[in-house]
Amino acid sequence: MSKPKEVTIYDLARKLNVSIATVSRALKDDPVVSKKTKKKIFDLAEEMGYRYNHFARNLREQRTYTIGVIVPRLNSYFMSTVIAGIESVANNEGYTLIISQSSEDAGKEIASAKTMFNNRVDGMLVSLAYDTEEISHFDQFIKKNIPLIFFDRVSDHPECTSVLIDNRKGAYEATSHLIAQGCRRIVHLTATPKRNVYIDRLAGYKQALADHQIPFDEKYVLINNLSQEAGTQAAAAILQMNPLPDAIFAANDNCAVGCMLTLKKAGIRIPQDMAFAGFNNDPVSTVIEPNLTTINYPGYKMGEMSAASLINHLNGVNSIDTTNTILLRSELIIRASSLKTKSDSE
């Protein structure tokens, strides 16, 4: 079966007895063409199955109107809200997204970067994998002046913007709140300290202990992949500690919930025996009983800011290296899981 002939603007012009220039302007929504004529052209284009030739436009403008997005995981509530924010801004500006997940693997991240580069994306938005050691695989973009913005899990680079929250401050506030509840033996559940988010949350935890004259104890830092299953395993290790900790601060909510559920089954009362705080304000934090104290992390806003900054650069509004870091506001949300005293609940 032969392939049907593609409908062109010449076909539309001939059918409506108007000039090719009029059809071309109408399809670009040029105000020179009247609304009545535009409607006729759009209606006929739809009826005849006309498809706008993006490829030809892209060749003329030397743009693909695509943005590459690399994230560690797609099955994360936080990351899905970031992508929703990116998509909202990108779609409004006429860009489409190519989204890839590294699955927390540096090798996959490198392969994704190469694919994005070969697909000639106009810009890149990246949140780094757990085990990414260095970022030379993004040098190809920088050499071609393709803007690159890191968000959430970032890497310092003089020619790249980073969009994130003050993770150190958030961890400091969560840990200080637990200390204010009378807690002194506070376990910190975190991931491998290669990424800025976990380095900074650990630093905030340590700073809060130091400011309250509580000695830091390495045995209270448990490193895992921060999944709910890892939280279950962490609970088993916690139950072996003597004396038992009186609080847990987890670097994300999923891990905190896995840990809470296992400790509750073992007869630990929360918050009376052990207070809990998480990070991210994942929906699971309001499902678990008692509800989980956490740090609200504005994922959607982070996505919007990242995309807007990138597109502004592409449109020549600002230079990537003029604003090296964009810090978004986070806040401590106090819920029942941490309230050992009544003072904070009133």
C-alpha atoms as a PDB file:
ATOM      1  CA  MET A   1       0.000   0.000   0.000  1.00  0.00           C
ATOM      2  CA  SER A   2       1.476   3.361  -1.033  1.00  0.00           C
ATOM      3  CA  LYS A   3       1.899   6.086   1.547  1.00  0.00           C
ATOM      4  CA  PRO A   4      -0.696   8.883   1.183  1.00  0.00           C
ATOM      5  CA  LYS A   5       0.656  12.237  -0.036  1.00  0.00           C
ATOM      6  CA  GLU A   6       1.381  14.741   2.731  1.00  0.00           C
ATOM      7  CA  VAL A   7      -0.945  17.787   2.736  1.00  0.00           C
ATOM      8  CA  THR A   8       0.992  21.047   2.213  1.00  0.00           C
ATOM      9  CA  ILE A   9       0.246  24.751   2.657  1.00  0.00           C
ATOM     10  CA  TYR A  10      -0.002  24.918  -1.141  1.00  0.00           C
ATOM     11  CA  ASP A  11      -2.979  22.533  -1.005  1.00  0.00           C
ATOM     12  CA  LEU A  12      -4.662  24.670   1.659  1.00  0.00           C
ATOM     13  CA  ALA A  13      -4.028  27.900  -0.285  1.00  0.00           C
ATOM     14  CA  ARG A  14      -5.389  26.421  -3.529  1.00  0.00           C
ATOM     15  CA  LYS A  15      -8.515  25.073  -1.839  1.00  0.00           C
ATOM     16  CA  LEU A  16      -9.338  28.391  -0.159  1.00  0.00           C
ATOM     17  CA  ASN A  17      -8.133  30.567  -3.036  1.00  0.00           C
ATOM     18  CA  VAL A  18      -5.777  32.581  -0.825  1.00  0.00           C
ATOM     19  CA  SER A  19      -2.059  33.202  -1.065  1.00  0.00           C
ATOM     20  CA  ILE A  20       0.527  30.794   0.332  1.00  0.00           C
ATOM     21  CA  ALA A  21       1.848  33.649   2.482  1.00  0.00           C
ATOM     22  CA  THR A  22      -1.606  34.098   4.071  1.00  0.00           C
ATOM     23  CA  VAL A  23      -1.801  30.391   4.958  1.00  0.00           C
ATOM     24  CA  SER A  24       1.725  30.453   6.353  1.00  0.00           C
ATOM     25  CA  ARG A  25       1.006  33.529   8.495  1.00  0.00           C
ATOM     26  CA  ALA A  26      -2.307  32.121   9.722  1.00  0.00           C
ATOM     27  CA  LEU A  27      -0.710  28.861  10.846  1.00  0.00           C
ATOM     28  CA  LYS A  28       1.837  30.927  12.826  1.00  0.00           C
ATOM     29  CA  ASP A  29      -1.083  32.847  14.401  1.00  0.00           C
ATOM     30  CA  ASP A  30       0.153  36.099  12.898  1.00  0.00           C
ATOM     31  CA  PRO A  31      -2.206  38.984  13.874  1.00  0.00           C
ATOM     32  CA  VAL A  32      -1.943  40.337  10.284  1.00  0.00           C
ATOM     33  CA  VAL A  33      -4.434  37.630   9.223  1.00  0.00           C
ATOM     34  CA  SER A  34      -8.055  38.192  10.285  1.00  0.00           C
ATOM     35  CA  LYS A  35      -9.659  35.853  12.818  1.00  0.00           C
ATOM     36  CA  LYS A  36     -12.275  34.811  10.235  1.00  0.00           C
ATOM     37  CA  THR A  37      -9.609  33.810   7.672  1.00  0.00           C
ATOM     38  CA  LYS A  38      -7.549  32.068  10.354  1.00  0.00           C
ATOM     39  CA  LYS A  39     -10.550  29.985  11.385  1.00  0.00           C
ATOM     40  CA  LYS A  40     -11.193  28.909   7.784  1.00  0.00           C
ATOM     41  CA  ILE A  41      -7.537  27.904   7.360  1.00  0.00           C
ATOM     42  CA  PHE A  42      -7.361  26.045  10.697  1.00  0.00           C
ATOM     43  CA  ASP A  43     -10.641  24.223  10.014  1.00  0.00           C
ATOM     44  CA  LEU A  44      -9.519  23.124   6.549  1.00  0.00           C
ATOM     45  CA  ALA A  45      -6.092  22.111   7.852  1.00  0.00           C
ATOM     46  CA  GLU A  46      -7.765  19.855  10.417  1.00  0.00           C
ATOM     47  CA  GLU A  47     -10.219  18.454   7.857  1.00  0.00           C
ATOM     48  CA  MET A  48      -7.454  17.632   5.345  1.00  0.00           C
ATOM     49  CA  GLY A  49      -5.056  16.258   7.996  1.00  0.00           C
ATOM     50  CA  TYR A  50      -2.387  18.930   7.537  1.00  0.00           C
ATOM     51  CA  ARG A  51       0.631  18.496   9.845  1.00  0.00           C
ATOM     52  CA  TYR A  52       2.859  21.446  10.663  1.00  0.00           C
ATOM     53  CA  ASN A  53       6.441  20.733   9.575  1.00  0.00           C
ATOM     54  CA  HIS A  54       8.320  21.236  12.830  1.00  0.00           C
ATOM     55  CA  PHE A  55      11.443  19.747  11.294  1.00  0.00           C
ATOM     56  CA  ALA A  56      11.627  22.475   8.644  1.00  0.00           C
ATOM     57  CA  ARG A  57      11.010  25.172  11.248  1.00  0.00           C
ATOM     58  CA  ASN A  58      13.690  23.713  13.492  1.00  0.00           C
ATOM     59  CA  LEU A  59      16.211  23.724  10.623  1.00  0.00           C
ATOM     60  CA  ARG A  60      15.453  27.378   9.909  1.00  0.00           C
ATOM     61  CA  GLU A  61      15.683  28.458  13.548  1.00  0.00           C
ATOM     62  CA  GLN A  62      18.443  26.001  14.536  1.00  0.00           C
ATOM     63  CA  ARG A  63      16.320  24.841  17.487  1.00  0.00           C
ATOM     64  CA  THR A  64      14.537  21.572  18.200  1.00  0.00           C
ATOM     65  CA  TYR A  65      12.207  23.025  20.860  1.00  0.00           C
ATOM     66  CA  THR A  66      12.988  20.022  23.058  1.00  0.00           C
ATOM     67  CA  ILE A  67      14.436  19.981  26.570  1.00  0.00           C
ATOM     68  CA  GLY A  68      16.237  16.950  27.960  1.00  0.00           C
ATOM     69  CA  VAL A  69      15.429  15.919  31.531  1.00  0.00           C
ATOM     70  CA  ILE A  70      17.442  13.295  33.436  1.00  0.00           C
ATOM     71  CA  VAL A  71      16.174  12.211  36.858  1.00  0.00           C
ATOM     72  CA  PRO A  72      17.326   9.480  39.253  1.00  0.00           C
ATOM     73  CA  ARG A  73      13.896   7.815  39.543  1.00  0.00           C
ATOM     74  CA  LEU A  74      10.486   8.287  37.970  1.00  0.00           C
ATOM     75  CA  ASN A  75       8.643   6.375  40.717  1.00  0.00           C
ATOM     76  CA  SER A  76       9.309   9.074  43.327  1.00  0.00           C
ATOM     77  CA  TYR A  77       6.491  11.394  44.409  1.00  0.00           C
ATOM     78  CA  PHE A  78       8.922  14.285  44.783  1.00  0.00           C
ATOM     79  CA  MET A  79      10.447  13.764  41.337  1.00  0.00           C
ATOM     80  CA  SER A  80       7.041  13.409  39.688  1.00  0.00           C
ATOM     81  CA  THR A  81       6.019  16.800  41.125  1.00  0.00           C
ATOM     82  CA  VAL A  82       9.253  18.354  39.828  1.00  0.00           C
ATOM     83  CA  ILE A  83       8.567  16.948  36.336  1.00  0.00           C
ATOM     84  CA  ALA A  84       4.987  18.285  36.480  1.00  0.00           C
ATOM     85  CA  GLY A  85       6.376  21.754  37.220  1.00  0.00           C
ATOM     86  CA  ILE A  86       8.909  21.498  34.388  1.00  0.00           C
ATOM     87  CA  GLU A  87       6.240  20.305  31.956  1.00  0.00           C
ATOM     88  CA  SER A  88       3.835  23.100  32.857  1.00  0.00           C
ATOM     89  CA  VAL A  89       6.356  25.830  32.012  1.00  0.00           C
ATOM     90  CA  ALA A  90       7.874  24.025  29.000  1.00  0.00           C
ATOM     91  CA  ASN A  91       4.510  23.335  27.348  1.00  0.00           C
ATOM     92  CA  ASN A  92       3.386  26.939  27.802  1.00  0.00           C
ATOM     93  CA  GLU A  93       6.552  28.056  26.008  1.00  0.00           C
ATOM     94  CA  GLY A  94       6.160  25.576  23.140  1.00  0.00           C
ATOM     95  CA  TYR A  95       8.800  23.060  24.263  1.00  0.00           C
ATOM     96  CA  THR A  96       8.479  19.304  24.557  1.00  0.00           C
ATOM     97  CA  LEU A  97      10.413  17.149  27.019  1.00  0.00           C
ATOM     98  CA  ILE A  98      12.587  14.085  26.522  1.00  0.00           C
ATOM     99  CA  ILE A  99      12.653  12.418  29.950  1.00  0.00           C
ATOM    100  CA  SER A 100      15.090   9.718  31.008  1.00  0.00           C
ATOM    101  CA  GLN A 101      15.776   8.069  34.370  1.00  0.00           C
ATOM    102  CA  SER A 102      19.234   6.989  35.461  1.00  0.00           C
ATOM    103  CA  SER A 103      17.820   4.461  37.963  1.00  0.00           C
ATOM    104  CA  GLU A 104      20.518   5.749  40.365  1.00  0.00           C
ATOM    105  CA  ASP A 105      23.210   4.459  38.004  1.00  0.00           C
ATOM    106  CA  ALA A 106      26.026   6.708  36.745  1.00  0.00           C
ATOM    107  CA  GLY A 107      26.498   4.536  33.637  1.00  0.00           C
ATOM    108  CA  LYS A 108      22.859   4.989  32.618  1.00  0.00           C
ATOM    109  CA  GLU A 109      23.146   8.704  33.303  1.00  0.00           C
ATOM    110  CA  ILE A 110      26.146   8.929  30.944  1.00  0.00           C
ATOM    111  CA  ALA A 111      24.258   6.994  28.235  1.00  0.00           C
ATOM    112  CA  SER A 112      21.187   9.233  28.654  1.00  0.00           C
ATOM    113  CA  ALA A 113      23.315  12.367  28.342  1.00  0.00           C
ATOM    114  CA  LYS A 114      24.789  11.059  25.095  1.00  0.00           C
ATOM    115  CA  THR A 115      21.322  10.258  23.725  1.00  0.00           C
ATOM    116  CA  MET A 116      20.069  13.739  24.631  1.00  0.00           C
ATOM    117  CA  PHE A 117      23.092  15.342  22.974  1.00  0.00           C
ATOM    118  CA  ASN A 118      22.607  13.306  19.781  1.00  0.00           C
ATOM    119  CA  ASN A 119      18.928  14.265  19.767  1.00  0.00           C
ATOM    120  CA  ARG A 120      20.043  17.907  19.683  1.00  0.00           C
ATOM    121  CA  VAL A 121      18.086  19.068  22.728  1.00  0.00           C
ATOM    122  CA  ASP A 122      18.117  22.839  23.217  1.00  0.00           C
ATOM    123  CA  GLY A 123      18.895  22.556  26.929  1.00  0.00           C
ATOM    124  CA  MET A 124      19.269  20.107  29.805  1.00  0.00           C
ATOM    125  CA  LEU A 125      17.726  19.770  33.265  1.00  0.00           C
ATOM    126  CA  VAL A 126      19.512  17.187  35.427  1.00  0.00           C
ATOM    127  CA  SER A 127      19.224  15.672  38.901  1.00  0.00           C
ATOM    128  CA  LEU A 128      22.257  13.448  39.492  1.00  0.00           C
ATOM    129  CA  ALA A 129      22.315   9.723  40.369  1.00  0.00           C
ATOM    130  CA  TYR A 130      23.514   8.474  43.782  1.00  0.00           C
ATOM    131  CA  ASP A 131      26.826   7.199  42.459  1.00  0.00           C
ATOM    132  CA  THR A 132      27.798   9.888  39.929  1.00  0.00           C
ATOM    133  CA  GLU A 133      31.411  10.706  40.812  1.00  0.00           C
ATOM    134  CA  GLU A 134      32.087  13.468  38.268  1.00  0.00           C
ATOM    135  CA  ILE A 135      30.188  15.258  35.527  1.00  0.00           C
ATOM    136  CA  SER A 136      32.513  15.239  32.502  1.00  0.00           C
ATOM    137  CA  HIS A 137      29.751  13.542  30.459  1.00  0.00           C
ATOM    138  CA  PHE A 138      27.991  16.927  30.441  1.00  0.00           C
ATOM    139  CA  ASP A 139      31.022  18.782  29.040  1.00  0.00           C
ATOM    140  CA  GLN A 140      29.756  18.206  25.483  1.00  0.00           C
ATOM    141  CA  PHE A 141      26.748  20.427  26.240  1.00  0.00           C
ATOM    142  CA  ILE A 142      28.835  23.176  27.807  1.00  0.00           C
ATOM    143  CA  LYS A 143      31.260  23.210  24.859  1.00  0.00           C
ATOM    144  CA  LYS A 144      28.322  23.678  22.464  1.00  0.00           C
ATOM    145  CA  ASN A 145      26.800  26.417  24.689  1.00  0.00           C
ATOM    146  CA  ILE A 146      23.782  24.210  25.375  1.00  0.00           C
ATOM    147  CA  PRO A 147      22.470  25.438  28.743  1.00  0.00           C
ATOM    148  CA  LEU A 148      22.617  22.933  31.602  1.00  0.00           C
ATOM    149  CA  ILE A 149      20.767  23.336  34.892  1.00  0.00           C
ATOM    150  CA  PHE A 150      21.104  20.975  37.838  1.00  0.00           C
ATOM    151  CA  PHE A 151      18.222  20.683  40.287  1.00  0.00           C
ATOM    152  CA  ASP A 152      17.845  19.014  43.703  1.00  0.00           C
ATOM    153  CA  ARG A 153      20.936  16.779  43.403  1.00  0.00           C
ATOM    154  CA  VAL A 154      23.402  19.238  41.986  1.00  0.00           C
ATOM    155  CA  SER A 155      27.078  19.637  41.201  1.00  0.00           C
ATOM    156  CA  ASP A 156      29.000  22.907  41.431  1.00  0.00           C
ATOM    157  CA  HIS A 157      30.050  24.142  38.010  1.00  0.00           C
ATOM    158  CA  PRO A 158      30.916  27.747  37.095  1.00  0.00           C
ATOM    159  CA  GLU A 159      28.901  27.550  33.866  1.00  0.00           C
ATOM    160  CA  CYS A 160      25.798  25.839  35.269  1.00  0.00           C
ATOM    161  CA  THR A 161      22.935  27.018  37.453  1.00  0.00           C
ATOM    162  CA  SER A 162      21.740  24.943  40.410  1.00  0.00           C
ATOM    163  CA  VAL A 163      18.162  24.997  41.741  1.00  0.00           C
ATOM    164  CA  LEU A 164      17.722  23.562  45.240  1.00  0.00           C
ATOM    165  CA  ILE A 165      16.632  24.188  48.803  1.00  0.00           C
ATOM    166  CA  ASP A 166      18.900  24.815  51.789  1.00  0.00           C
ATOM    167  CA  ASN A 167      19.165  21.149  52.792  1.00  0.00           C
ATOM    168  CA  ARG A 168      21.509  21.937  55.658  1.00  0.00           C
ATOM    169  CA  LYS A 169      19.019  24.406  57.147  1.00  0.00           C
ATOM    170  CA  GLY A 170      16.112  21.951  56.749  1.00  0.00           C
ATOM    171  CA  ALA A 171      18.021  19.162  58.516  1.00  0.00           C
ATOM    172  CA  TYR A 172      19.152  21.576  61.222  1.00  0.00           C
ATOM    173  CA  GLU A 173      15.543  22.601  61.909  1.00  0.00           C
ATOM    174  CA  ALA A 174      14.270  18.998  62.007  1.00  0.00           C
ATOM    175  CA  THR A 175      17.067  17.864  64.352  1.00  0.00           C
ATOM    176  CA  SER A 176      16.731  20.942  66.583  1.00  0.00           C
ATOM    177  CA  HIS A 177      13.003  20.277  66.875  1.00  0.00           C
ATOM    178  CA  LEU A 178      13.686  16.706  68.051  1.00  0.00           C
ATOM    179  CA  ILE A 179      16.214  18.035  70.568  1.00  0.00           C
ATOM    180  CA  ALA A 180      13.600  20.545  71.810  1.00  0.00           C
ATOM    181  CA  GLN A 181      11.372  17.531  72.525  1.00  0.00           C
ATOM    182  CA  GLY A 182      14.025  16.248  74.931  1.00  0.00           C
ATOM    183  CA  CYS A 183      15.700  13.810  72.516  1.00  0.00           C
ATOM    184  CA  ARG A 184      19.453  13.222  72.878  1.00  0.00           C
ATOM    185  CA  ARG A 185      20.161   9.918  71.102  1.00  0.00           C
ATOM    186  CA  ILE A 186      19.093  10.781  67.567  1.00  0.00           C
ATOM    187  CA  VAL A 187      19.706   8.326  64.709  1.00  0.00           C
ATOM    188  CA  HIS A 188      20.122   9.801  61.223  1.00  0.00           C
ATOM    189  CA  LEU A 189      19.032   7.595  58.298  1.00  0.00           C
ATOM    190  CA  THR A 190      20.693   8.804  55.114  1.00  0.00           C
ATOM    191  CA  ALA A 191      22.155   7.793  51.744  1.00  0.00           C
ATOM    192  CA  THR A 192      25.754   7.540  50.607  1.00  0.00           C
ATOM    193  CA  PRO A 193      27.363  10.953  51.169  1.00  0.00           C
ATOM    194  CA  LYS A 194      28.252  11.585  47.513  1.00  0.00           C
ATOM    195  CA  ARG A 195      25.330  13.844  46.694  1.00  0.00           C
ATOM    196  CA  ASN A 196      24.926  17.383  47.965  1.00  0.00           C
ATOM    197  CA  VAL A 197      21.483  16.724  49.463  1.00  0.00           C
ATOM    198  CA  TYR A 198      22.751  13.991  51.801  1.00  0.00           C
ATOM    199  CA  ILE A 199      26.050  15.725  52.582  1.00  0.00           C
ATOM    200  CA  ASP A 200      24.146  18.879  53.530  1.00  0.00           C
ATOM    201  CA  ARG A 201      21.454  17.083  55.565  1.00  0.00           C
ATOM    202  CA  LEU A 202      24.131  15.231  57.518  1.00  0.00           C
ATOM    203  CA  ALA A 203      25.944  18.541  58.102  1.00  0.00           C
ATOM    204  CA  GLY A 204      22.728  20.156  59.359  1.00  0.00           C
ATOM    205  CA  TYR A 205      22.119  17.219  61.721  1.00  0.00           C
ATOM    206  CA  LYS A 206      25.676  17.464  63.069  1.00  0.00           C
ATOM    207  CA  GLN A 207      25.448  21.244  63.489  1.00  0.00           C
ATOM    208  CA  ALA A 208      22.219  20.971  65.490  1.00  0.00           C
ATOM    209  CA  LEU A 209      23.834  18.410  67.811  1.00  0.00           C
ATOM    210  CA  ALA A 210      26.909  20.620  68.267  1.00  0.00           C
ATOM    211  CA  ASP A 211      24.843  23.756  68.952  1.00  0.00           C
ATOM    212  CA  HIS A 212      22.992  21.866  71.701  1.00  0.00           C
ATOM    213  CA  GLN A 213      26.171  20.347  73.205  1.00  0.00           C
ATOM    214  CA  ILE A 214      25.284  16.798  72.168  1.00  0.00           C
ATOM    215  CA  PRO A 215      28.331  14.756  71.073  1.00  0.00           C
ATOM    216  CA  PHE A 216      28.155  13.342  67.553  1.00  0.00           C
ATOM    217  CA  ASP A 217      28.267   9.535  67.485  1.00  0.00           C
ATOM    218  CA  GLU A 218      29.105   7.808  64.179  1.00  0.00           C
ATOM    219  CA  LYS A 219      27.098   4.717  65.130  1.00  0.00           C
ATOM    220  CA  TYR A 220      23.918   6.778  64.966  1.00  0.00           C
ATOM    221  CA  VAL A 221      24.375   7.457  61.228  1.00  0.00           C
ATOM    222  CA  LEU A 222      22.895   4.594  59.190  1.00  0.00           C
ATOM    223  CA  ILE A 223      23.533   4.696  55.430  1.00  0.00           C
ATOM    224  CA  ASN A 224      21.194   2.938  52.983  1.00  0.00           C
ATOM    225  CA  ASN A 225      19.284   3.656  49.752  1.00  0.00           C
ATOM    226  CA  LEU A 226      16.441   5.391  51.638  1.00  0.00           C
ATOM    227  CA  SER A 227      13.725   3.064  50.306  1.00  0.00           C
ATOM    228  CA  GLN A 228      10.880   1.874  52.535  1.00  0.00           C
ATOM    229  CA  GLU A 229      12.540  -1.561  52.611  1.00  0.00           C
ATOM    230  CA  ALA A 230      15.796   0.069  53.748  1.00  0.00           C
ATOM    231  CA  GLY A 231      13.838   1.697  56.566  1.00  0.00           C
ATOM    232  CA  THR A 232      12.662  -1.758  57.656  1.00  0.00           C
ATOM    233  CA  GLN A 233      16.267  -3.000  57.711  1.00  0.00           C
ATOM    234  CA  ALA A 234      17.379   0.113  59.616  1.00  0.00           C
ATOM    235  CA  ALA A 235      14.746  -0.595  62.268  1.00  0.00           C
ATOM    236  CA  ALA A 236      16.279  -4.043  62.870  1.00  0.00           C
ATOM    237  CA  ALA A 237      19.676  -2.393  63.453  1.00  0.00           C
ATOM    238  CA  ILE A 238      18.130   0.249  65.712  1.00  0.00           C
ATOM    239  CA  LEU A 239      16.502  -2.413  67.898  1.00  0.00           C
ATOM    240  CA  GLN A 240      19.961  -3.873  68.554  1.00  0.00           C
ATOM    241  CA  MET A 241      21.275  -0.587  69.942  1.00  0.00           C
ATOM    242  CA  ASN A 242      21.812  -0.292  73.699  1.00  0.00           C
ATOM    243  CA  PRO A 243      20.540   2.048  74.949  1.00  0.00           C
ATOM    244  CA  LEU A 244      17.816   2.485  72.361  1.00  0.00           C
ATOM    245  CA  PRO A 245      17.748   5.823  70.504  1.00  0.00           C
ATOM    246  CA  ASP A 246      15.019   8.253  71.506  1.00  0.00           C
ATOM    247  CA  ALA A 247      14.568   9.793  68.037  1.00  0.00           C
ATOM    248  CA  ILE A 248      15.046   9.112  64.320  1.00  0.00           C
ATOM    249  CA  PHE A 249      15.659  11.755  61.662  1.00  0.00           C
ATOM    250  CA  ALA A 250      15.403  10.219  58.166  1.00  0.00           C
ATOM    251  CA  ALA A 251      16.612  11.975  55.008  1.00  0.00           C
ATOM    252  CA  ASN A 252      13.346  11.066  53.285  1.00  0.00           C
ATOM    253  CA  ASP A 253       9.799  10.135  54.289  1.00  0.00           C
ATOM    254  CA  ASN A 254       9.643   6.694  52.649  1.00  0.00           C
ATOM    255  CA  CYS A 255      12.577   5.417  54.683  1.00  0.00           C
ATOM    256  CA  ALA A 256      11.134   6.978  57.838  1.00  0.00           C
ATOM    257  CA  VAL A 257       7.794   5.228  57.269  1.00  0.00           C
ATOM    258  CA  GLY A 258       9.415   1.815  56.680  1.00  0.00           C
ATOM    259  CA  CYS A 259      11.355   2.259  59.894  1.00  0.00           C
ATOM    260  CA  MET A 260       8.310   3.449  61.879  1.00  0.00           C
ATOM    261  CA  LEU A 261       6.126   0.530  60.803  1.00  0.00           C
ATOM    262  CA  THR A 262       8.734  -2.054  61.829  1.00  0.00           C
ATOM    263  CA  LEU A 263       9.464  -0.400  65.167  1.00  0.00           C
ATOM    264  CA  LYS A 264       5.739  -0.168  65.957  1.00  0.00           C
ATOM    265  CA  LYS A 265       5.386  -3.914  65.307  1.00  0.00           C
ATOM    266  CA  ALA A 266       8.242  -4.461  67.765  1.00  0.00           C
ATOM    267  CA  GLY A 267       6.291  -2.579  70.453  1.00  0.00           C
ATOM    268  CA  ILE A 268       8.051   0.778  70.215  1.00  0.00           C
ATOM    269  CA  ARG A 269       5.647   3.641  70.965  1.00  0.00           C
ATOM    270  CA  ILE A 270       5.927   6.666  68.676  1.00  0.00           C
ATOM    271  CA  PRO A 271       6.610   9.369  69.761  1.00  0.00           C
ATOM    272  CA  GLN A 272       6.729   8.380  73.461  1.00  0.00           C
ATOM    273  CA  ASP A 273       9.656   5.957  73.105  1.00  0.00           C
ATOM    274  CA  MET A 274      11.061   7.245  69.829  1.00  0.00           C
ATOM    275  CA  ALA A 275      10.217  10.520  68.067  1.00  0.00           C
ATOM    276  CA  PHE A 276      10.359  10.645  64.262  1.00  0.00           C
ATOM    277  CA  ALA A 277      11.062  13.264  61.585  1.00  0.00           C
ATOM    278  CA  GLY A 278      11.418  12.774  57.843  1.00  0.00           C
ATOM    279  CA  PHE A 279      12.132  14.939  54.797  1.00  0.00           C
ATOM    280  CA  ASN A 280      10.176  15.801  51.564  1.00  0.00           C
ATOM    281  CA  ASN A 281       6.544  15.996  52.786  1.00  0.00           C
ATOM    282  CA  ASP A 282       5.589  12.972  50.706  1.00  0.00           C
ATOM    283  CA  PRO A 283       1.833  12.082  50.846  1.00  0.00           C
ATOM    284  CA  VAL A 284       2.785   8.947  52.811  1.00  0.00           C
ATOM    285  CA  SER A 285       3.670  11.257  55.728  1.00  0.00           C
ATOM    286  CA  THR A 286      -0.016  12.001  56.342  1.00  0.00           C
ATOM    287  CA  VAL A 287      -1.125   8.367  55.915  1.00  0.00           C
ATOM    288  CA  ILE A 288       1.168   6.797  58.512  1.00  0.00           C
ATOM    289  CA  GLU A 289      -0.020   6.873  62.135  1.00  0.00           C
ATOM    290  CA  PRO A 290       1.052   8.963  63.882  1.00  0.00           C
ATOM    291  CA  ASN A 291       1.422  11.481  61.048  1.00  0.00           C
ATOM    292  CA  LEU A 292       5.063  12.192  60.230  1.00  0.00           C
ATOM    293  CA  THR A 293       6.872  15.428  61.041  1.00  0.00           C
ATOM    294  CA  THR A 294       8.787  16.410  57.907  1.00  0.00           C
ATOM    295  CA  ILE A 295      10.400  19.146  55.824  1.00  0.00           C
ATOM    296  CA  ASN A 296       8.191  20.491  53.063  1.00  0.00           C
ATOM    297  CA  TYR A 297      10.185  20.397  49.824  1.00  0.00           C
ATOM    298  CA  PRO A 298       8.559  22.430  47.006  1.00  0.00           C
ATOM    299  CA  GLY A 299       9.031  19.997  44.092  1.00  0.00           C
ATOM    300  CA  TYR A 300       6.547  21.611  41.684  1.00  0.00           C
ATOM    301  CA  LYS A 301       8.065  25.047  42.291  1.00  0.00           C
ATOM    302  CA  MET A 302      11.543  23.605  41.768  1.00  0.00           C
ATOM    303  CA  GLY A 303      10.443  22.232  38.382  1.00  0.00           C
ATOM    304  CA  GLU A 304       8.876  25.552  37.376  1.00  0.00           C
ATOM    305  CA  MET A 305      11.952  27.564  38.398  1.00  0.00           C
ATOM    306  CA  SER A 306      14.350  25.175  36.648  1.00  0.00           C
ATOM    307  CA  ALA A 307      12.408  25.225  33.375  1.00  0.00           C
ATOM    308  CA  ALA A 308      11.805  28.985  33.479  1.00  0.00           C
ATOM    309  CA  SER A 309      15.499  29.695  34.104  1.00  0.00           C
ATOM    310  CA  LEU A 310      16.515  27.422  31.214  1.00  0.00           C
ATOM    311  CA  ILE A 311      13.995  28.871  28.747  1.00  0.00           C
ATOM    312  CA  ASN A 312      14.870  32.443  29.750  1.00  0.00           C
ATOM    313  CA  HIS A 313      18.458  31.642  28.873  1.00  0.00           C
ATOM    314  CA  LEU A 314      17.441  30.100  25.535  1.00  0.00           C
ATOM    315  CA  ASN A 315      15.446  33.251  24.782  1.00  0.00           C
ATOM    316  CA  GLY A 316      18.417  35.465  25.666  1.00  0.00           C
ATOM    317  CA  VAL A 317      16.731  36.908  28.781  1.00  0.00           C
ATOM    318  CA  ASN A 318      19.535  35.944  31.147  1.00  0.00           C
ATOM    319  CA  SER A 319      22.897  34.214  31.165  1.00  0.00           C
ATOM    320  CA  ILE A 320      23.226  30.835  32.883  1.00  0.00           C
ATOM    321  CA  ASP A 321      26.295  31.835  34.836  1.00  0.00           C
ATOM    322  CA  THR A 322      24.859  35.110  36.189  1.00  0.00           C
ATOM    323  CA  THR A 323      22.724  33.274  38.740  1.00  0.00           C
ATOM    324  CA  ASN A 324      24.739  30.291  39.849  1.00  0.00           C
ATOM    325  CA  THR A 325      22.415  29.084  42.618  1.00  0.00           C
ATOM    326  CA  ILE A 326      18.659  29.487  43.045  1.00  0.00           C
ATOM    327  CA  LEU A 327      17.566  28.626  46.601  1.00  0.00           C
ATOM    328  CA  LEU A 328      13.912  27.798  47.232  1.00  0.00           C
ATOM    329  CA  ARG A 329      12.248  28.051  50.616  1.00  0.00           C
ATOM    330  CA  SER A 330      11.488  24.913  52.652  1.00  0.00           C
ATOM    331  CA  GLU A 331       9.677  24.621  55.991  1.00  0.00           C
ATOM    332  CA  LEU A 332       9.414  22.293  58.959  1.00  0.00           C
ATOM    333  CA  ILE A 333       5.950  20.750  59.267  1.00  0.00           C
ATOM    334  CA  ILE A 334       5.419  19.491  62.822  1.00  0.00           C
ATOM    335  CA  ARG A 335       3.066  16.526  63.222  1.00  0.00           C
ATOM    336  CA  ALA A 336       2.312  13.977  65.922  1.00  0.00           C
ATOM    337  CA  SER A 337       5.273  11.642  65.256  1.00  0.00           C
ATOM    338  CA  SER A 338       7.709  13.986  66.994  1.00  0.00           C
ATOM    339  CA  LEU A 339       5.643  15.638  69.691  1.00  0.00           C
ATOM    340  CA  LYS A 340       6.898  14.348  73.021  1.00  0.00           C
ATOM    341  CA  THR A 341       6.009  17.621  74.766  1.00  0.00           C
ATOM    342  CA  LYS A 342       2.833  19.675  74.482  1.00  0.00           C
ATOM    343  CA  SER A 343       4.554  23.005  73.991  1.00  0.00           C
ATOM    344  CA  ASP A 344       5.023  22.611  70.223  1.00  0.00           C
ATOM    345  CA  SER A 345       1.532  21.225  69.616  1.00  0.00           C
ATOM    346  CA  GLU A 346      -0.301  24.149  71.184  1.00  0.00           C
END
